[in-house]
Amino acid sequence: MTLRDQVWSSCLLQLRKTGKFKISDLPFQEEQRQTVRRVLRDMEAMGWLERENKRAATWRIGGEAELHLNVSADHIEQAWD
């Protein structure tokens, strides 16, 4: 599995679990962080992730993830608290 695939998988699992995360919550080493950030920005551009602004450290469940992941409305709401 490529690093990009691992990032996607880790992000989707974290979204199902908590609805939000920071890069430090993901299981990647410092030297992998540039690729992780690039994948997260791509996921954001595709609607899978959202942030309050471009500098925000917390990534939250986006519209595409809401449609495709089996999460409750309460779960989604808590991600934005």
Protein backbone atom coordinates (compact mmCIF):
# COMPACT_ATOMS: atom_id res chain seq x y z
CA MET A 1 0.00 0.00 0.00
CA THR A 2 1.38 3.43 -0.88
CA LEU A 3 1.80 6.18 1.68
CA ARG A 4 -1.01 8.10 -0.04
CA ASP A 5 -3.33 5.10 0.41
CA GLN A 6 -2.31 4.81 4.05
CA VAL A 7 -3.14 8.49 4.61
CA TRP A 8 -6.58 8.08 3.03
CA SER A 9 -7.28 4.99 5.13
CA SER A 10 -6.10 6.60 8.38
CA CYS A 11 -8.12 9.75 7.72
CA LEU A 12 -11.33 7.89 6.94
CA LEU A 13 -10.94 5.72 10.04
CA GLN A 14 -10.32 8.81 12.18
CA LEU A 15 -13.37 10.57 10.69
CA ARG A 16 -15.56 7.57 11.52
CA LYS A 17 -14.11 7.45 15.01
CA THR A 18 -14.11 11.14 16.04
CA GLY A 19 -15.22 13.23 13.06
CA LYS A 20 -12.09 15.38 13.34
CA PHE A 21 -8.34 15.10 13.84
CA LYS A 22 -5.01 16.88 13.76
CA ILE A 23 -2.05 15.62 11.77
CA SER A 24 -0.39 14.63 15.04
CA ASP A 25 -3.32 12.23 15.68
CA LEU A 26 -2.38 10.22 12.59
CA PRO A 27 0.21 7.40 12.73
CA PHE A 28 2.86 8.98 10.51
CA GLN A 29 6.45 9.92 11.14
CA GLU A 30 7.80 13.45 10.79
CA GLU A 31 9.53 12.71 7.48
CA GLN A 32 6.17 11.61 6.03
CA ARG A 33 4.29 14.75 7.06
CA GLN A 34 4.80 16.64 3.79
CA THR A 35 3.04 13.86 1.88
CA VAL A 36 0.36 13.66 4.58
CA ARG A 37 -0.33 17.41 4.28
CA ARG A 38 -0.51 17.17 0.48
CA VAL A 39 -3.01 14.30 0.65
CA LEU A 40 -5.11 16.15 3.24
CA ARG A 41 -5.24 19.24 1.01
CA ASP A 42 -6.32 17.01 -1.90
CA MET A 43 -9.01 15.43 0.27
CA GLU A 44 -10.16 18.91 1.26
CA ALA A 45 -10.33 20.00 -2.40
CA MET A 46 -12.49 16.92 -3.15
CA GLY A 47 -14.85 17.67 -0.24
CA TRP A 48 -13.85 14.79 2.06
CA LEU A 49 -12.33 17.12 4.66
CA GLU A 50 -13.01 20.67 5.82
CA ARG A 51 -11.22 23.23 7.97
CA GLU A 52 -12.41 26.50 9.46
CA ASN A 53 -9.69 28.26 7.46
CA LYS A 54 -6.53 27.37 5.52
CA ARG A 55 -4.33 27.73 8.62
CA ALA A 56 -6.53 25.67 10.98
CA ALA A 57 -4.80 22.62 12.45
CA THR A 58 -8.00 20.61 12.92
CA TRP A 59 -9.40 18.72 9.94
CA ARG A 60 -13.11 17.84 10.12
CA ILE A 61 -15.53 15.63 8.26
CA GLY A 62 -16.51 17.13 4.91
CA GLY A 63 -19.59 16.81 2.75
CA GLU A 64 -18.34 13.84 0.73
CA ALA A 65 -17.42 11.95 3.89
CA GLU A 66 -20.85 12.70 5.35
CA LEU A 67 -22.43 11.16 2.24
CA HIS A 68 -20.26 8.04 2.07
CA LEU A 69 -19.42 7.21 5.68
CA ASN A 70 -22.09 5.84 7.95
CA VAL A 71 -22.03 8.56 10.63
CA SER A 72 -24.91 10.09 12.56
CA ALA A 73 -25.95 13.73 12.50
CA ASP A 74 -24.81 13.96 16.14
CA HIS A 75 -21.38 12.65 15.18
CA ILE A 76 -21.10 15.31 12.46
CA GLU A 77 -22.28 18.05 14.82
CA GLN A 78 -19.78 17.03 17.51
CA ALA A 79 -16.96 17.28 14.96
CA TRP A 80 -17.68 21.00 14.69
CA ASP A 81 -17.89 21.68 18.44
